[in-house]
């Protein structure tokens, strides 16, 4: 139990940063601290981490007062803060000098595998992308098996696709040891995706305004934006009708494919039963929007799809009882669409001599998991809408871009397959 009791912080110049903060966080719970800039969220995390002293009140971890950095408390900053003179593996194992070499190396290897960076263990931090560096930072925090993990907006500087991928890695690592987590964020959707409950803070002085409940997206269900015709900057292809969507409510229990516990019918029913009950009582919770993104190669005819994994392993989506650590089949379908559309567009642009300096391809698809889980027999199984968008850096005239989009649609195999729904023969055989 992490206990924060009547905590206040006043600086030497008289500024009162925090006033009488009281919060109890049971072991294994993830709590999001939400609030605007200047409300004391980071100050509170620094006090819990033992990096600063409170002016009044106490912080206790399982009854032990925290007044200085504690080995049971880990901290992940907004930026990775990796040591540039150490390789990736040595950065992850930096705090494990007290362990014997074989155990230290085994822990580091396991942590890197869990965040999808096992093949990058020997690289330097400068050779990694921003998202990969933050994965190293998260692995470094978890490798010491902290009882409490403090996250100070660790995803704020990342794009939406990388942030979503890191959410999965974070929850996969959390499932192994289930530390208590305090997550500072400005993003309500992020709190919805990660936290068991949210606590709202107010400024001048920093204080708790409300909290204790499961975070809900204040936007609720909402219609998706209509496709735009943004010229060269943004183009969209729509391959199915619109369908309203809303972020997932709640985080279902996770099962990892490499654990010893087998997934049998009883275990699967136990995972899916509370989800079915939730979708019956709150249908909006069953609407999920999956996303995929790729970048056009600036030299050859290729599209680099951002999967975040060296080996693509398919599993159940969290909305059907999966861990969130693996790609679901819907993710893979969108990635296939992004890859095919990107390659087709680049090939057509090359043939038409349309100069493309750079570009990205992104896809979003709306799923209603009531159909997937059989909760509502009238609900569809599969995507109800998919939106494919291109952002292109080019000086080509508008008529050339219109021709490029039309031919890309015509020759993209995955797009045409989704749009025309060909006959599909299914068979099964033993052996």
Protein backbone atom coordinates (compact mmCIF):
# COMPACT_ATOMS: atom_id res chain seq x y z
CA UNK A 1 0.00 0.00 0.00
CA UNK A 2 1.26 3.44 -0.98
CA UNK A 3 -0.14 5.97 1.47
CA UNK A 4 0.09 9.75 1.04
CA UNK A 5 -1.08 11.50 4.20
CA UNK A 6 -1.88 15.24 4.46
CA UNK A 7 1.06 16.08 2.18
CA UNK A 8 2.06 19.70 1.54
CA UNK A 9 4.99 21.35 -0.20
CA UNK A 10 6.00 25.02 0.11
CA UNK A 11 9.14 26.33 -1.56
CA UNK A 12 11.63 28.78 -0.01
CA UNK A 13 10.09 31.73 -1.86
CA UNK A 14 6.73 31.01 -0.26
CA UNK A 15 5.11 29.34 -3.27
CA UNK A 16 2.75 26.61 -2.10
CA UNK A 17 2.99 23.83 -4.65
CA UNK A 18 0.85 21.22 -2.84
CA UNK A 19 -1.72 21.48 -0.09
CA UNK A 20 -2.86 18.60 2.11
CA UNK A 21 -2.76 15.81 -0.47
CA UNK A 22 -4.28 12.56 0.78
CA UNK A 23 -4.27 9.43 -1.37
CA UNK A 24 -4.16 5.68 -0.71
CA UNK A 25 -3.15 3.36 -3.56
CA UNK A 26 -3.46 -0.40 -2.94
CA UNK A 27 -0.72 -2.70 -4.18
CA UNK A 28 -0.98 -3.41 -7.89
CA UNK A 29 -3.34 -0.55 -8.74
CA UNK A 30 -2.72 1.90 -11.60
CA UNK A 31 -3.82 5.44 -10.73
CA UNK A 32 -3.73 8.31 -13.23
CA UNK A 33 -3.05 11.83 -11.99
CA UNK A 34 -4.79 14.23 -14.37
CA UNK A 35 -4.61 17.99 -14.35
CA UNK A 36 -3.39 21.05 -16.18
CA UNK A 37 0.13 22.43 -16.11
CA UNK A 38 1.21 23.84 -12.77
CA UNK A 39 -1.13 21.83 -10.57
CA UNK A 40 1.71 19.94 -8.84
CA UNK A 41 1.56 16.53 -10.51
CA UNK A 42 5.31 16.28 -11.09
CA UNK A 43 6.04 17.77 -7.67
CA UNK A 44 3.93 15.04 -6.09
CA UNK A 45 5.81 12.36 -8.04
CA UNK A 46 9.17 13.81 -6.96
CA UNK A 47 8.07 13.64 -3.33
CA UNK A 48 6.92 10.04 -3.68
CA UNK A 49 10.22 9.20 -5.40
CA UNK A 50 12.16 10.71 -2.48
CA UNK A 51 13.84 13.28 -4.74
CA UNK A 52 12.44 16.17 -2.69
CA UNK A 53 11.28 16.67 0.91
CA UNK A 54 7.72 17.51 1.87
CA UNK A 55 6.99 20.56 4.01
CA UNK A 56 4.32 18.64 5.91
CA UNK A 57 2.66 15.24 5.87
CA UNK A 58 4.00 11.75 5.19
CA UNK A 59 4.48 9.25 2.41
CA UNK A 60 4.54 5.59 3.42
CA UNK A 61 5.16 2.42 1.44
CA UNK A 62 3.85 -0.60 3.32
CA UNK A 63 4.21 1.40 6.51
CA UNK A 64 7.76 2.58 5.83
CA UNK A 65 8.26 6.34 5.56
CA UNK A 66 9.79 7.62 2.29
CA UNK A 67 12.06 10.62 2.80
CA UNK A 68 14.83 9.77 0.30
CA UNK A 69 15.22 7.69 -2.88
CA UNK A 70 13.92 4.20 -2.14
CA UNK A 71 14.97 0.94 -3.85
CA UNK A 72 11.32 -0.10 -4.08
CA UNK A 73 10.30 2.99 -6.06
CA UNK A 74 11.08 3.41 -9.77
CA UNK A 75 10.64 6.51 -11.91
CA UNK A 76 10.21 7.00 -15.66
CA UNK A 77 10.68 10.59 -16.86
CA UNK A 78 9.10 12.47 -19.77
CA UNK A 79 12.30 11.93 -21.77
CA UNK A 80 14.26 8.63 -21.80
CA UNK A 81 17.40 10.00 -20.03
CA UNK A 82 19.58 7.15 -21.29
CA UNK A 83 23.32 7.23 -20.68
CA UNK A 84 24.84 7.86 -24.14
CA UNK A 85 28.16 6.15 -23.31
CA UNK A 86 26.38 2.86 -22.47
CA UNK A 87 24.75 0.45 -24.88
CA UNK A 88 21.06 -0.47 -24.69
CA UNK A 89 21.58 -3.56 -22.51
CA UNK A 90 23.91 -1.73 -20.12
CA UNK A 91 21.40 1.11 -19.79
CA UNK A 92 18.65 -1.34 -18.82
CA UNK A 93 20.92 -3.12 -16.33
CA UNK A 94 22.46 0.05 -14.89
CA UNK A 95 20.74 -0.34 -11.52
CA UNK A 96 21.48 -4.06 -11.17
CA UNK A 97 25.18 -3.87 -10.28
CA UNK A 98 24.47 -5.71 -7.01
CA UNK A 99 23.36 -8.84 -8.89
CA UNK A 100 25.62 -11.58 -10.19
CA UNK A 101 26.46 -11.32 -13.89
CA UNK A 102 24.32 -14.22 -15.14
CA UNK A 103 21.22 -13.07 -13.24
CA UNK A 104 21.72 -9.47 -14.33
CA UNK A 105 22.09 -10.46 -17.98
CA UNK A 106 19.04 -12.74 -17.80
CA UNK A 107 16.88 -9.98 -16.33
CA UNK A 108 18.03 -7.47 -18.92
CA UNK A 109 17.45 -9.89 -21.80
CA UNK A 110 13.96 -10.70 -20.55
CA UNK A 111 13.03 -7.03 -20.12
CA UNK A 112 14.27 -6.15 -23.62
CA UNK A 113 12.35 -9.06 -25.08
CA UNK A 114 9.15 -7.88 -23.38
CA UNK A 115 9.47 -4.43 -24.97
CA UNK A 116 10.40 -5.83 -28.38
CA UNK A 117 14.03 -4.67 -28.38
CA UNK A 118 15.95 -7.91 -27.88
CA UNK A 119 17.69 -7.48 -31.24
CA UNK A 120 18.82 -3.96 -30.26
CA UNK A 121 20.64 -4.95 -27.05
CA UNK A 122 24.07 -4.10 -28.47
CA UNK A 123 23.13 -0.77 -30.04
CA UNK A 124 23.83 2.74 -28.76
CA UNK A 125 20.96 5.00 -27.65
CA UNK A 126 21.66 7.39 -30.53
CA UNK A 127 20.88 4.58 -32.99
CA UNK A 128 17.30 4.20 -31.69
CA UNK A 129 14.13 6.13 -32.50
CA UNK A 130 12.42 8.20 -29.82
CA UNK A 131 9.84 5.47 -29.19
CA UNK A 132 12.54 2.80 -28.91
CA UNK A 133 14.52 4.94 -26.45
CA UNK A 134 11.43 5.31 -24.26
CA UNK A 135 10.92 1.53 -24.39
CA UNK A 136 14.47 1.16 -23.06
CA UNK A 137 13.61 3.60 -20.28
CA UNK A 138 10.50 1.61 -19.35
CA UNK A 139 12.46 -1.66 -19.40
CA UNK A 140 15.09 -0.10 -17.12
CA UNK A 141 12.39 0.89 -14.63
CA UNK A 142 10.75 -2.55 -14.58
CA UNK A 143 13.91 -4.67 -14.53
CA UNK A 144 14.51 -3.85 -10.85
CA UNK A 145 11.03 -5.17 -9.94
CA UNK A 146 9.91 -2.00 -8.12
CA UNK A 147 6.98 -2.09 -5.74
CA UNK A 148 5.93 1.36 -6.93
CA UNK A 149 6.46 2.77 -10.41
CA UNK A 150 6.08 6.50 -11.09
CA UNK A 151 5.46 7.60 -14.69
CA UNK A 152 5.84 11.33 -15.40
CA UNK A 153 4.15 11.76 -18.80
CA UNK A 154 6.49 9.24 -20.44
CA UNK A 155 4.53 9.20 -23.73
CA UNK A 156 3.83 12.93 -24.13
CA UNK A 157 6.53 13.57 -26.77
CA UNK A 158 5.57 10.60 -28.96
CA UNK A 159 3.18 10.34 -31.89
CA UNK A 160 -0.17 8.63 -31.39
CA UNK A 161 0.82 5.38 -33.07
CA UNK A 162 4.04 4.96 -31.06
CA UNK A 163 2.19 5.94 -27.88
CA UNK A 164 -0.44 3.27 -28.47
CA UNK A 165 2.27 0.67 -29.02
CA UNK A 166 4.05 1.66 -25.79
CA UNK A 167 0.80 1.38 -23.85
CA UNK A 168 0.75 -2.30 -24.78
CA UNK A 169 4.37 -2.83 -23.77
CA UNK A 170 3.78 -1.05 -20.45
CA UNK A 171 0.76 -3.18 -19.55
CA UNK A 172 2.58 -6.36 -20.60
CA UNK A 173 5.45 -5.58 -18.22
CA UNK A 174 3.06 -4.50 -15.46
CA UNK A 175 1.23 -7.84 -15.67
CA UNK A 176 4.39 -9.75 -14.70
CA UNK A 177 4.97 -8.15 -11.27
CA UNK A 178 1.94 -5.82 -10.92
CA UNK A 179 3.62 -2.90 -9.16
CA UNK A 180 1.60 0.02 -7.86
CA UNK A 181 1.67 2.71 -10.56
CA UNK A 182 1.16 6.48 -10.42
CA UNK A 183 0.81 7.84 -13.96
CA UNK A 184 0.92 11.59 -14.62
CA UNK A 185 -0.86 12.51 -17.84
CA UNK A 186 -2.74 15.36 -19.53
CA UNK A 187 -4.48 12.87 -21.80
CA UNK A 188 -7.86 11.58 -20.59
CA UNK A 189 -7.88 8.91 -23.31
CA UNK A 190 -4.54 7.63 -22.02
CA UNK A 191 -5.97 7.41 -18.50
CA UNK A 192 -8.92 5.45 -19.90
CA UNK A 193 -6.57 3.02 -21.65
CA UNK A 194 -4.16 2.42 -18.75
CA UNK A 195 -5.57 3.31 -15.34
CA UNK A 196 -7.86 1.60 -12.85
CA UNK A 197 -8.96 5.00 -11.58
CA UNK A 198 -8.14 8.65 -12.12
CA UNK A 199 -7.44 11.47 -9.67
CA UNK A 200 -7.97 15.05 -10.84
CA UNK A 201 -5.70 17.79 -9.49
CA UNK A 202 -6.29 21.53 -9.35
CA UNK A 203 -3.65 24.31 -9.14
CA UNK A 204 -2.81 27.22 -6.81
CA UNK A 205 -2.11 25.37 -4.62
CA UNK A 206 -1.94 21.85 -6.02
CA UNK A 207 -4.71 19.77 -4.48
CA UNK A 208 -6.97 16.83 -5.25
CA UNK A 209 -10.23 17.97 -6.80
CA UNK A 210 -11.88 14.60 -7.23
CA UNK A 211 -10.95 11.00 -7.89
CA UNK A 212 -11.49 7.39 -7.10
CA UNK A 213 -13.57 6.32 -10.08
CA UNK A 214 -12.81 4.52 -13.29
CA UNK A 215 -11.73 7.17 -15.84
CA UNK A 216 -14.32 7.87 -18.52
CA UNK A 217 -13.78 9.65 -21.82
CA UNK A 218 -15.80 12.89 -21.49
CA UNK A 219 -16.43 12.91 -25.24
CA UNK A 220 -18.38 9.64 -25.04
CA UNK A 221 -19.54 8.01 -28.27
CA UNK A 222 -19.14 10.34 -31.18
CA UNK A 223 -19.40 10.20 -34.96
CA UNK A 224 -16.19 9.89 -36.86
CA UNK A 225 -15.06 12.87 -38.92
CA UNK A 226 -16.16 12.90 -42.51
CA UNK A 227 -13.45 12.29 -45.09
CA UNK A 228 -11.60 15.37 -46.23
CA UNK A 229 -10.28 16.45 -49.56
CA UNK A 230 -7.26 18.30 -48.31
CA UNK A 231 -5.38 18.43 -51.60
CA UNK A 232 -1.76 17.30 -51.51
CA UNK A 233 -1.53 17.47 -47.72
CA UNK A 234 -4.20 14.91 -46.90
CA UNK A 235 -6.15 12.41 -49.00
CA UNK A 236 -8.56 9.72 -47.81
CA UNK A 237 -10.12 6.62 -49.26
CA UNK A 238 -13.24 5.28 -47.55
CA UNK A 239 -13.98 1.60 -48.06
CA UNK A 240 -17.09 1.18 -45.86
CA UNK A 241 -19.84 3.29 -44.25
CA UNK A 242 -19.21 5.34 -41.10
CA UNK A 243 -19.83 3.77 -37.71
CA UNK A 244 -19.77 5.61 -34.34
CA UNK A 245 -16.89 4.69 -32.08
CA UNK A 246 -15.73 5.26 -28.52
CA UNK A 247 -12.56 4.31 -26.64
CA UNK A 248 -12.49 1.07 -24.70
CA UNK A 249 -13.70 1.32 -21.12
CA UNK A 250 -11.76 -0.75 -18.62
CA UNK A 251 -8.71 -2.96 -18.96
CA UNK A 252 -9.53 -6.68 -19.10
CA UNK A 253 -7.24 -9.24 -17.47
CA UNK A 254 -4.29 -10.24 -19.63
CA UNK A 255 -2.95 -13.61 -20.71
CA UNK A 256 0.49 -13.90 -22.31
CA UNK A 257 1.18 -16.66 -24.83
CA UNK A 258 4.60 -17.47 -23.36
CA UNK A 259 3.27 -18.18 -19.86
CA UNK A 260 2.98 -21.74 -18.60
CA UNK A 261 -0.75 -21.40 -17.82
CA UNK A 262 -2.66 -23.02 -20.71
CA UNK A 263 -5.54 -21.19 -22.35
CA UNK A 264 -8.44 -23.63 -22.25
CA UNK A 265 -12.19 -23.16 -22.66
CA UNK A 266 -12.68 -22.46 -18.94
CA UNK A 267 -9.97 -19.80 -18.86
CA UNK A 268 -11.28 -18.17 -22.04
CA UNK A 269 -14.85 -18.04 -20.71
CA UNK A 270 -13.60 -16.55 -17.43
CA UNK A 271 -11.80 -13.80 -19.33
CA UNK A 272 -14.65 -13.00 -21.68
CA UNK A 273 -17.63 -13.21 -19.28
CA UNK A 274 -17.07 -9.78 -17.62
CA UNK A 275 -16.43 -8.23 -21.04
CA UNK A 276 -19.71 -9.58 -22.38
CA UNK A 277 -21.55 -8.26 -19.33
CA UNK A 278 -19.93 -4.86 -19.86
CA UNK A 279 -20.86 -4.73 -23.54
CA UNK A 280 -24.48 -5.70 -22.77
CA UNK A 281 -24.83 -2.95 -20.16
CA UNK A 282 -22.72 -0.35 -22.01
CA UNK A 283 -22.79 -1.04 -25.77
CA UNK A 284 -20.59 1.98 -26.53
CA UNK A 285 -17.72 0.28 -24.69
CA UNK A 286 -17.60 -2.37 -27.43
CA UNK A 287 -16.67 0.12 -30.18
CA UNK A 288 -12.93 0.15 -30.84
CA UNK A 289 -10.94 2.04 -33.47
CA UNK A 290 -7.76 0.25 -34.54
CA UNK A 291 -4.95 2.13 -36.31
CA UNK A 292 -1.93 1.43 -38.48
CA UNK A 293 0.69 3.70 -40.03
CA UNK A 294 3.49 3.48 -42.56
CA UNK A 295 6.02 5.76 -44.24
CA UNK A 296 6.92 5.86 -47.91
CA UNK A 297 10.50 4.96 -48.75
CA UNK A 298 12.25 8.00 -50.21
CA UNK A 299 14.33 5.97 -52.65
CA UNK A 300 12.81 2.66 -53.68
CA UNK A 301 9.23 1.51 -54.17
CA UNK A 302 8.51 0.44 -50.60
CA UNK A 303 6.41 1.28 -47.56
CA UNK A 304 7.74 0.86 -44.03
CA UNK A 305 4.89 -0.25 -41.76
CA UNK A 306 5.17 0.57 -38.06
CA UNK A 307 4.36 -2.68 -36.26
CA UNK A 308 6.72 -2.12 -33.31
CA UNK A 309 7.64 -5.82 -33.34
CA UNK A 310 10.40 -7.78 -34.99
CA UNK A 311 8.22 -10.91 -34.99
CA UNK A 312 4.51 -10.39 -35.55
CA UNK A 313 2.56 -12.60 -33.12
CA UNK A 314 -1.23 -12.58 -33.44
CA UNK A 315 -3.41 -12.79 -30.36
CA UNK A 316 -6.75 -11.75 -28.96
CA UNK A 317 -7.56 -8.05 -28.76
CA UNK A 318 -7.84 -6.77 -25.13
CA UNK A 319 -11.54 -6.15 -25.80
CA UNK A 320 -11.97 -9.93 -26.15
CA UNK A 321 -9.71 -10.96 -23.26
CA UNK A 322 -6.25 -10.59 -24.81
CA UNK A 323 -3.17 -9.10 -23.18
CA UNK A 324 -2.65 -6.21 -25.59
CA UNK A 325 0.96 -7.33 -26.02
CA UNK A 326 0.27 -8.98 -29.38
CA UNK A 327 -1.24 -7.78 -32.62
CA UNK A 328 -4.84 -8.83 -33.18
CA UNK A 329 -5.97 -9.90 -36.63
CA UNK A 330 -7.61 -6.51 -37.14
CA UNK A 331 -4.27 -4.79 -36.55
CA UNK A 332 -2.64 -7.06 -39.13
CA UNK A 333 -5.38 -6.39 -41.67
CA UNK A 334 -4.93 -2.63 -41.35
CA UNK A 335 -1.14 -2.99 -41.57
CA UNK A 336 -1.55 -5.07 -44.74
CA UNK A 337 -3.76 -2.32 -46.19
CA UNK A 338 -1.23 0.37 -45.27
CA UNK A 339 1.64 -1.64 -46.77
CA UNK A 340 -0.19 -2.43 -50.01
CA UNK A 341 -1.56 1.09 -50.46
CA UNK A 342 1.84 2.65 -49.77
CA UNK A 343 3.68 0.42 -52.23
CA UNK A 344 0.97 0.87 -54.87
CA UNK A 345 0.94 4.65 -54.50
CA UNK A 346 4.74 4.82 -54.73
CA UNK A 347 4.76 2.59 -57.80
CA UNK A 348 2.07 4.65 -59.53
CA UNK A 349 3.85 7.89 -58.62
CA UNK A 350 7.06 6.54 -60.11
CA UNK A 351 5.32 5.47 -63.32
CA UNK A 352 3.62 8.87 -63.67
CA UNK A 353 6.85 10.71 -62.80
CA UNK A 354 5.19 12.42 -59.82
CA UNK A 355 7.95 13.54 -57.42
CA UNK A 356 7.34 12.46 -53.81
CA UNK A 357 9.92 13.72 -51.31
CA UNK A 358 8.28 11.93 -48.37
CA UNK A 359 4.92 10.71 -47.21
CA UNK A 360 2.93 8.66 -44.73
CA UNK A 361 0.03 6.25 -45.02
CA UNK A 362 -2.37 5.67 -42.13
CA UNK A 363 -5.47 3.53 -41.67
CA UNK A 364 -8.18 3.48 -39.03
CA UNK A 365 -10.84 0.80 -38.71
CA UNK A 366 -13.94 0.63 -36.49
CA UNK A 367 -14.87 -2.67 -34.84
CA UNK A 368 -17.93 -3.55 -32.75
CA UNK A 369 -16.81 -6.36 -30.45
CA UNK A 370 -20.37 -7.23 -29.49
CA UNK A 371 -20.53 -9.14 -32.76
CA UNK A 372 -17.12 -10.75 -32.26
CA UNK A 373 -18.11 -12.06 -28.81
CA UNK A 374 -21.67 -13.00 -29.79
CA UNK A 375 -23.20 -10.51 -27.34
CA UNK A 376 -25.52 -9.05 -29.99
CA UNK A 377 -26.45 -11.25 -32.93
CA UNK A 378 -27.41 -8.17 -34.95
CA UNK A 379 -24.02 -6.52 -34.44
CA UNK A 380 -21.54 -6.93 -37.31
CA UNK A 381 -18.47 -9.15 -37.16
CA UNK A 382 -15.57 -7.35 -38.82
CA UNK A 383 -14.82 -3.74 -39.63
CA UNK A 384 -17.80 -1.46 -40.23
CA UNK A 385 -15.63 1.35 -41.57
CA UNK A 386 -12.03 1.80 -42.66
CA UNK A 387 -10.40 5.13 -43.47
CA UNK A 388 -7.16 5.22 -45.44
CA UNK A 389 -5.28 8.54 -45.54
CA UNK A 390 -2.15 9.75 -47.34
CA UNK A 391 -0.02 12.72 -46.34
CA UNK A 392 2.34 13.57 -49.18
CA UNK A 393 5.23 16.01 -49.51
CA UNK A 394 5.07 16.94 -53.18
CA UNK A 395 4.78 19.91 -55.52
CA UNK A 396 2.69 17.99 -58.05
CA UNK A 397 -0.42 19.79 -59.38
CA UNK A 398 -3.85 18.81 -58.08
CA UNK A 399 -4.90 17.00 -61.25
CA UNK A 400 -1.84 14.75 -60.97
CA UNK A 401 -2.69 13.94 -57.36
CA UNK A 402 -6.28 13.11 -58.30
CA UNK A 403 -4.96 10.74 -60.96
CA UNK A 404 -2.50 9.23 -58.45
CA UNK A 405 -5.24 8.56 -55.91
CA UNK A 406 -7.59 7.05 -58.50
CA UNK A 407 -4.94 4.67 -59.84
CA UNK A 408 -3.78 3.73 -56.34
CA UNK A 409 -7.35 2.75 -55.49
CA UNK A 410 -7.61 0.82 -58.77
CA UNK A 411 -4.43 -1.23 -58.36
CA UNK A 412 -4.18 -1.70 -54.56
CA UNK A 413 -4.94 -5.41 -54.09
CA UNK A 414 -5.96 -5.17 -50.42
CA UNK A 415 -8.18 -2.14 -51.05
CA UNK A 416 -9.97 -3.87 -53.92
CA UNK A 417 -10.34 -7.08 -51.89
CA UNK A 418 -11.95 -5.21 -49.00
CA UNK A 419 -14.16 -3.13 -51.27
CA UNK A 420 -15.51 -5.93 -53.46
CA UNK A 421 -15.69 -8.82 -50.97
CA UNK A 422 -14.71 -11.74 -53.21
CA UNK A 423 -15.99 -15.24 -52.61
CA UNK A 424 -13.96 -17.01 -49.94
CA UNK A 425 -13.72 -20.80 -49.72
CA UNK A 426 -12.89 -22.24 -46.29
CA UNK A 427 -11.75 -25.80 -45.56
CA UNK A 428 -10.11 -27.71 -42.74
CA UNK A 429 -8.08 -30.91 -42.78
CA UNK A 430 -6.34 -33.06 -40.20
CA UNK A 431 -2.60 -33.46 -40.18
